[in-house]
Protein backbone atom coordinates (compact mmCIF):
# COMPACT_ATOMS: atom_id res chain seq x y z
CA MET A 1 -174.82 190.52 92.78
CA ARG A 2 -173.00 191.48 89.60
CA VAL A 3 -169.83 189.42 89.03
CA LEU A 4 -167.15 189.96 86.41
CA TYR A 5 -165.56 186.53 85.81
CA LEU A 6 -162.16 186.65 84.10
CA THR A 7 -160.01 183.76 82.88
CA ARG A 8 -157.03 183.01 80.63
CA THR A 9 -158.74 180.81 78.05
CA TRP A 10 -162.26 179.42 78.24
CA THR A 11 -162.52 175.74 79.17
CA GLY A 12 -165.09 173.34 80.53
CA HIS A 13 -163.97 174.28 84.04
CA ASP A 14 -164.99 177.89 83.34
CA ASP A 15 -168.39 176.65 82.17
CA ARG A 16 -168.81 174.98 85.54
CA PHE A 17 -167.86 178.12 87.47
CA LEU A 18 -170.19 180.21 85.33
CA ARG A 19 -173.13 177.90 86.02
CA ALA A 20 -172.28 177.80 89.73
CA TRP A 21 -172.30 181.61 89.94
CA GLN A 22 -175.56 181.73 88.02
CA ASP A 23 -177.09 179.06 90.27
CA ALA A 24 -176.06 181.25 93.19
CA GLY A 25 -178.19 184.03 91.71
CA ALA A 26 -175.36 186.19 90.39
CA ASP A 27 -175.49 188.27 87.21
CA VAL A 28 -172.25 187.22 85.52
CA VAL A 29 -170.21 188.81 82.72
CA THR A 30 -167.40 186.62 81.38
CA ARG A 31 -164.22 187.55 79.55
CA ALA A 32 -161.09 185.57 78.63
CA ALA A 33 -157.64 186.96 77.94
CA ASP A 34 -157.58 185.21 74.56
CA GLY A 35 -161.10 186.26 73.59
CA SER A 36 -162.60 182.77 73.95
CA ALA A 37 -165.29 183.45 76.56
CA PRO A 38 -168.88 182.80 75.43
CA GLY A 39 -170.06 185.62 73.19
CA GLN A 40 -166.77 187.50 73.47
CA GLY A 41 -164.91 186.91 70.23
CA PRO A 42 -161.44 188.17 69.33
CA GLY A 43 -160.66 191.86 69.36
CA ARG A 44 -157.81 194.28 68.95
CA ALA A 45 -157.90 195.60 72.50
CA SER A 46 -155.39 194.30 75.04
CA PHE A 47 -156.71 192.26 77.94
CA GLY A 48 -156.07 195.19 80.27
CA GLU A 49 -158.20 197.40 78.02
CA VAL A 50 -160.94 194.77 77.98
CA VAL A 51 -160.94 194.60 81.78
CA THR A 52 -161.03 198.38 82.11
CA HIS A 53 -163.94 198.57 79.65
CA GLU A 54 -165.96 195.89 81.44
CA ILE A 55 -165.40 197.51 84.82
CA GLY A 56 -166.72 200.81 83.49
CA GLU A 57 -169.53 199.25 81.46
CA ASN A 58 -170.84 196.74 84.01
CA ARG A 59 -169.80 198.22 87.36
CA PRO A 60 -169.37 194.82 89.05
CA ASP A 61 -169.83 194.26 92.74
CA LEU A 62 -167.06 191.67 92.62
CA ILE A 63 -164.37 190.38 90.27
CA HIS A 64 -163.40 186.70 90.21
CA ALA A 65 -160.15 186.32 88.26
CA GLY A 66 -157.53 183.65 87.64
CA PRO A 67 -154.98 182.20 87.06
CA VAL A 68 -153.11 184.33 89.55
CA THR A 69 -149.88 184.71 87.57
CA ASP A 70 -151.42 186.74 84.73
CA VAL A 71 -155.19 187.30 84.72
CA ALA A 72 -155.56 188.12 88.41
CA TYR A 73 -152.33 190.14 88.26
CA THR A 74 -153.79 192.32 85.49
CA VAL A 75 -156.94 192.86 87.53
CA ALA A 76 -154.96 193.74 90.66
CA GLY A 77 -153.52 196.77 88.87
CA LEU A 78 -156.85 197.99 87.49
CA TRP A 79 -159.53 197.30 90.10
CA ASP A 80 -159.89 198.65 93.60
CA GLY A 81 -163.07 196.79 94.52
CA PRO A 82 -163.71 193.37 96.09
CA MET A 83 -161.64 190.69 94.37
CA ILE A 84 -161.51 186.90 94.45
CA ALA A 85 -158.25 185.56 93.02
CA GLY A 86 -159.00 182.06 91.74
CA SER A 87 -156.01 179.73 91.65
CA TRP A 88 -156.07 177.07 88.94
CA GLY A 89 -153.67 174.82 90.81
CA PHE A 90 -150.98 174.83 88.15
CA ASP A 91 -150.35 178.55 88.63
CA LEU A 92 -149.33 178.20 92.28
CA MET A 93 -147.93 174.68 92.01
CA ASP A 94 -145.87 175.14 88.83
CA GLU A 95 -145.90 178.52 87.09
CA VAL A 96 -144.59 180.47 90.10
CA ASP A 97 -141.48 178.28 89.97
CA GLN A 98 -140.86 178.85 86.26
CA SER A 99 -139.75 182.47 86.53
CA GLU A 100 -139.15 185.20 89.08
CA THR A 101 -141.61 187.40 87.20
CA GLN A 102 -144.46 184.94 87.58
CA ARG A 103 -143.64 184.45 91.24
CA ASP A 104 -143.63 188.22 91.80
CA HIS A 105 -146.96 188.55 89.96
CA ALA A 106 -148.51 185.86 92.13
CA ALA A 107 -147.13 187.44 95.32
CA GLU A 108 -148.66 190.78 94.35
CA VAL A 109 -152.02 189.11 93.82
CA MET A 110 -151.80 187.30 97.16
CA ARG A 111 -151.31 190.65 98.89
CA ARG A 112 -154.05 192.41 96.92
CA ALA A 113 -156.84 189.82 96.75
CA ASP A 114 -159.58 189.96 99.37
CA VAL A 115 -160.14 186.21 98.96
CA VAL A 116 -157.87 183.58 97.43
CA LEU A 117 -159.91 180.65 96.13
CA VAL A 118 -157.92 177.39 96.12
CA ASP A 119 -158.93 173.82 95.37
CA ASN A 120 -156.45 171.95 97.52
CA ASP A 121 -154.11 172.09 100.52
CA GLY A 122 -151.10 172.36 98.18
CA PRO A 123 -152.12 175.63 96.50
CA ALA A 124 -153.29 176.91 99.90
CA ARG A 125 -149.81 176.34 101.31
CA ARG A 126 -148.14 178.09 98.39
CA ALA A 127 -150.59 181.00 98.62
CA VAL A 128 -149.63 181.62 102.24
CA GLU A 129 -145.92 181.33 101.38
CA LEU A 130 -146.43 184.04 98.78
CA GLY A 131 -148.11 186.40 101.23
CA ALA A 132 -151.81 185.52 101.37
CA ALA A 133 -153.46 185.97 104.74
CA ALA A 134 -154.74 182.71 106.18
CA GLY A 135 -158.11 184.39 106.73
CA ALA A 136 -158.34 185.16 103.01
CA LEU A 137 -158.20 181.53 101.91
CA VAL A 138 -161.33 179.70 100.83
CA GLN A 139 -160.93 176.10 99.73
CA LEU A 140 -163.36 174.93 97.05
CA PRO A 141 -162.43 171.56 95.55
CA TRP A 142 -163.25 171.34 91.86
CA GLY A 143 -165.83 168.72 92.64
CA VAL A 144 -167.99 166.58 90.43
CA ASP A 145 -171.64 166.07 89.56
CA LEU A 146 -172.35 163.07 91.76
CA ALA A 147 -175.73 162.50 90.14
CA TYR A 148 -173.91 161.79 86.86
CA PHE A 149 -170.54 160.39 87.89
CA SER A 150 -171.51 157.40 90.00
CA PRO A 151 -170.89 153.65 90.10
CA GLY A 152 -172.71 151.69 87.44
CA CYS A 153 -172.49 149.32 84.50
CA SER A 154 -170.33 150.09 81.48
CA ASN A 155 -171.01 149.10 77.88
CA LEU A 156 -167.39 149.64 76.91
CA ARG A 157 -166.22 146.23 78.05
CA SER A 158 -168.61 144.45 75.69
CA THR A 159 -168.09 146.99 72.90
CA LEU A 160 -164.33 146.41 73.03
CA GLY A 161 -164.63 142.65 73.53
CA TRP A 162 -162.88 142.98 76.89
CA ASP A 163 -165.50 141.44 79.19
CA ASP A 164 -162.98 139.06 80.77
CA LYS A 165 -159.94 141.38 80.63
CA ARG A 166 -158.22 143.63 83.17
CA ILE A 167 -158.54 147.24 82.03
CA VAL A 168 -156.21 150.12 82.89
CA VAL A 169 -157.72 153.52 82.05
CA SER A 170 -156.16 156.94 81.39
CA THR A 171 -158.25 160.06 80.67
CA ARG A 172 -155.71 162.89 80.96
CA ARG A 173 -154.76 165.20 78.09
CA HIS A 174 -151.86 164.08 75.89
CA GLU A 175 -149.55 166.89 76.89
CA ALA A 176 -146.16 166.72 78.58
CA ILE A 177 -147.38 167.89 82.00
CA TYR A 178 -149.76 164.91 82.30
CA ARG A 179 -147.11 162.24 81.57
CA VAL A 180 -149.45 159.85 79.73
CA ASP A 181 -146.29 158.43 78.13
CA VAL A 182 -145.31 157.08 81.57
CA ILE A 183 -148.56 155.10 81.65
CA VAL A 184 -148.08 153.74 78.13
CA ARG A 185 -144.47 152.73 78.79
CA ALA A 186 -145.34 151.09 82.11
CA PHE A 187 -148.06 149.08 80.36
CA VAL A 188 -145.58 148.01 77.67
CA LYS A 189 -143.22 146.73 80.40
CA VAL A 190 -145.74 144.27 81.82
CA ALA A 191 -148.05 143.51 78.90
CA ASN A 192 -146.26 140.40 77.66
CA GLU A 193 -146.23 138.81 81.09
CA TYR A 194 -149.90 139.51 81.79
CA GLN A 195 -151.86 138.65 78.66
CA ASP A 196 -155.26 139.68 80.01
CA LEU A 197 -154.13 143.24 80.70
CA ARG A 198 -155.57 145.99 78.45
CA LEU A 199 -155.02 149.75 78.22
CA LEU A 200 -157.82 152.19 77.39
CA VAL A 201 -156.63 155.74 76.61
CA VAL A 202 -159.34 158.40 76.46
CA GLY A 203 -158.62 161.95 75.32
CA GLY A 204 -156.21 163.60 72.94
CA GLY A 205 -153.55 166.23 72.57
CA SER A 206 -150.35 167.16 70.80
CA LEU A 207 -148.57 163.94 71.87
CA SER A 208 -151.23 161.42 70.74
CA SER A 209 -149.30 160.26 67.67
CA ASP A 210 -146.12 159.81 69.72
CA LEU A 211 -147.96 157.68 72.26
CA TRP A 212 -149.52 155.50 69.57
CA ALA A 213 -146.11 155.07 67.94
CA VAL A 214 -144.82 153.49 71.16
CA VAL A 215 -147.68 150.98 71.08
CA GLU A 216 -147.14 150.17 67.41
CA ARG A 217 -143.41 149.74 67.82
CA VAL A 218 -143.84 146.93 70.36
CA GLY A 219 -146.74 145.24 68.56
CA LEU A 220 -149.47 145.85 71.15
CA VAL A 221 -152.06 147.52 68.91
CA ASN A 222 -154.58 144.74 69.63
CA ARG A 223 -154.38 145.37 73.39
CA VAL A 224 -154.46 149.17 73.52
CA VAL A 225 -157.35 151.38 72.41
CA PHE A 226 -157.09 155.13 71.93
CA MET A 227 -160.63 156.55 72.14
CA GLY A 228 -159.62 160.10 71.20
CA GLU A 229 -161.59 163.13 72.39
CA SER A 230 -164.77 161.72 73.87
CA ASN A 231 -168.05 162.91 75.33
CA THR A 232 -168.81 162.66 79.03
CA GLU A 233 -170.85 159.47 78.58
CA ILE A 234 -167.87 157.62 77.12
CA VAL A 235 -165.58 159.03 79.80
CA ARG A 236 -167.97 157.87 82.52
CA ASP A 237 -168.18 154.42 80.91
CA ALA A 238 -164.38 154.26 80.87
CA TYR A 239 -164.22 154.98 84.62
CA ARG A 240 -166.88 152.35 85.29
CA ALA A 241 -165.02 149.79 83.20
CA ALA A 242 -161.67 150.39 84.90
CA ASP A 243 -159.91 147.82 87.02
CA LEU A 244 -157.47 150.65 87.63
CA TYR A 245 -157.62 154.34 86.76
CA VAL A 246 -154.15 155.91 86.44
CA SER A 247 -153.01 159.52 86.44
CA ALA A 248 -149.28 160.19 86.08
CA SER A 249 -149.53 164.00 86.06
CA ALA A 250 -146.54 166.04 87.20
CA VAL A 251 -148.67 168.97 88.41
CA ASP A 252 -152.17 169.02 89.85
CA GLY A 253 -154.17 170.79 92.47
CA THR A 254 -157.32 168.75 92.79
CA SER A 255 -157.71 166.73 89.59
CA VAL A 256 -161.32 166.66 88.42
CA SER A 257 -160.72 163.51 86.38
CA LEU A 258 -159.39 161.79 89.50
CA LEU A 259 -162.51 162.80 91.43
CA GLU A 260 -164.70 161.57 88.57
CA ALA A 261 -162.97 158.18 88.60
CA MET A 262 -163.34 157.95 92.38
CA ALA A 263 -167.02 158.91 92.12
CA CYS A 264 -167.58 156.11 89.60
CA GLY A 265 -166.11 153.54 91.98
CA ALA A 266 -162.89 152.93 90.03
CA PRO A 267 -159.76 151.82 91.92
CA VAL A 268 -157.22 154.61 91.42
CA CYS A 269 -153.45 154.94 91.18
CA VAL A 270 -151.79 158.36 90.92
CA SER A 271 -148.39 160.01 90.89
CA ALA A 272 -147.15 160.86 94.37
CA ILE A 273 -147.42 164.63 94.06
CA GLU A 274 -148.70 167.06 96.67
CA GLY A 275 -151.97 167.80 94.89
CA ASN A 276 -152.99 164.14 95.01
CA SER A 277 -152.09 163.53 98.66
CA GLN A 278 -155.26 165.20 99.94
CA TRP A 279 -157.39 162.63 98.13
CA ILE A 280 -155.30 159.48 97.83
CA THR A 281 -154.25 157.92 101.10
CA GLU A 282 -153.34 154.32 101.88
CA ALA A 283 -157.04 153.77 102.54
CA SER A 284 -158.37 155.28 99.29
CA GLY A 285 -155.91 154.38 96.53
CA LEU A 286 -152.40 153.72 95.30
CA LYS A 287 -149.48 156.00 94.47
CA PHE A 288 -146.26 155.64 92.51
CA VAL A 289 -143.14 157.76 92.33
CA LEU A 290 -143.49 160.57 89.78
CA ASP A 291 -141.98 159.63 86.39
CA ASP A 292 -140.91 156.21 87.70
CA ILE A 293 -142.04 153.82 84.97
CA ASP A 294 -140.83 150.76 86.88
CA ASP A 295 -142.79 151.73 90.00
CA LEU A 296 -145.98 152.19 88.01
CA ALA A 297 -145.32 148.95 86.11
CA ARG A 298 -145.36 147.13 89.45
CA ARG A 299 -148.80 148.56 90.18
CA LEU A 300 -150.07 147.47 86.77
CA ALA A 301 -148.60 144.01 87.31
CA ASP A 302 -150.69 143.69 90.46
CA VAL A 303 -153.79 144.28 88.32
CA GLY A 304 -152.58 141.68 85.83
CA LYS A 305 -152.18 139.14 88.63
CA MET A 306 -155.81 139.41 89.70
CA ASP A 307 -156.71 136.55 87.32
CA GLY A 308 -160.46 137.10 87.17
CA GLY A 309 -161.09 137.39 90.90
CA ILE A 310 -162.06 140.41 92.97
CA ASP A 311 -159.25 142.07 94.88
CA VAL A 312 -160.77 142.79 98.30
CA ARG A 313 -158.17 145.43 99.19
CA SER A 314 -158.77 147.22 95.90
CA GLU A 315 -162.53 147.12 96.49
CA ARG A 316 -162.13 148.59 99.97
CA ARG A 317 -159.93 151.41 98.70
CA ALA A 318 -162.44 152.19 95.95
CA GLN A 319 -165.26 152.31 98.49
CA GLU A 320 -163.28 154.70 100.70
CA ALA A 321 -162.46 156.88 97.69
CA LEU A 322 -166.14 157.05 96.79
CA ARG A 323 -167.02 158.02 100.35
CA MET A 324 -164.43 160.82 100.31
CA VAL A 325 -165.76 162.30 97.08
CA GLN A 326 -169.34 162.15 98.29
CA LYS A 327 -168.38 163.93 101.51
CA PHE A 328 -165.91 166.52 100.26
CA ALA A 329 -166.29 167.02 96.49
CA ASP A 330 -169.97 167.41 95.69
CA TRP A 331 -170.06 170.20 93.08
CA SER A 332 -173.75 170.87 93.82
CA ARG A 333 -172.54 172.67 96.95
CA SER A 334 -170.39 175.08 94.93
CA PRO A 335 -172.96 177.92 94.55
CA ALA A 336 -173.25 178.24 98.33
CA GLN A 337 -169.46 178.15 98.68
CA LEU A 338 -169.04 180.86 96.04
CA ILE A 339 -171.55 183.07 97.83
CA PHE A 340 -169.59 182.54 101.04
CA ALA A 341 -166.39 183.54 99.23
CA ALA A 342 -168.08 186.61 97.73
CA GLU A 343 -169.47 187.79 101.05
CA LEU A 344 -166.09 187.25 102.70
CA ALA A 345 -164.33 189.21 99.92
CA ILE A 346 -166.76 192.12 100.29
CA GLU A 347 -166.44 192.07 104.08
CA ARG A 348 -162.64 191.92 104.03
CA HIS A 349 -162.45 194.66 101.40
CA GLY A 350 -164.63 196.91 103.51
CA SER A 351 -162.51 196.28 106.58
CA ALA A 352 -159.33 197.15 104.66
CA SER A 353 -160.71 200.37 103.21
């Protein structure tokens, strides 16, 4: 099967989809709207011209394109063959609400696509609201490599001199949508009362200096570590070291970093948004009200109160979270799921013709 895989800008998530298609036996050509796909490079042609050229040059059996608000919309106007519209979560959960144009683009794609690939119940609901047929939906959680992300020992505690401390971990990008500032400010609220509490911030972004300035201003530089952009080994060690992993994101479908933390056995606490509700229940983790610093601070205070002992309830939630990931988010199953989506797209396209 020859697949033309199209995306907005190439990321690690695209790498994973590319490998999954290849593991499924597909011959894959990749292109990104900004020219960042492997081997693509920048050019003067518009993205529509690039798509038209690749269709003529490679004659794909199937196109897999997303996000739906721009990339898949471009394809919908240029391609009359089998099409998988791949939602990236944020497109259906956020971008469609930012402008009428983006909502109209997404609605057009929902009507045109033979299969709509979603990662979560939230995007699935929005897809149907925008006109997708229920029979066109295929849910493929952006799972994790369970052979790599698994419970285990972490060297970070000793490296940081935090063997006897309580560690709160954040690994989201330092951009406004991920609300890492909420985590930092909640930590600041409770840090003086709970002296053994520590904050480990992994990752980077345009707001890193602003976040560090908050820490400096209150004199907590000896209790907060910013790791910066880090390799997967450090990220895994951070999850394994965590007494609590926190994500304060305002928009998510299925968060891969959340699944990674769950797979490593970390207790988790997330913003109470729709994308998280499929994974975090009362049995598998904690939630706090979106953007509510005081609510999150109360969760962090509970970690600070643990005083060296093991919190049985936290352990049970972490075990349930691990079980959920192992059952529902094993990325090694993705090639078979993509083949199912491809065969469904081809079948539905034939029936509509």
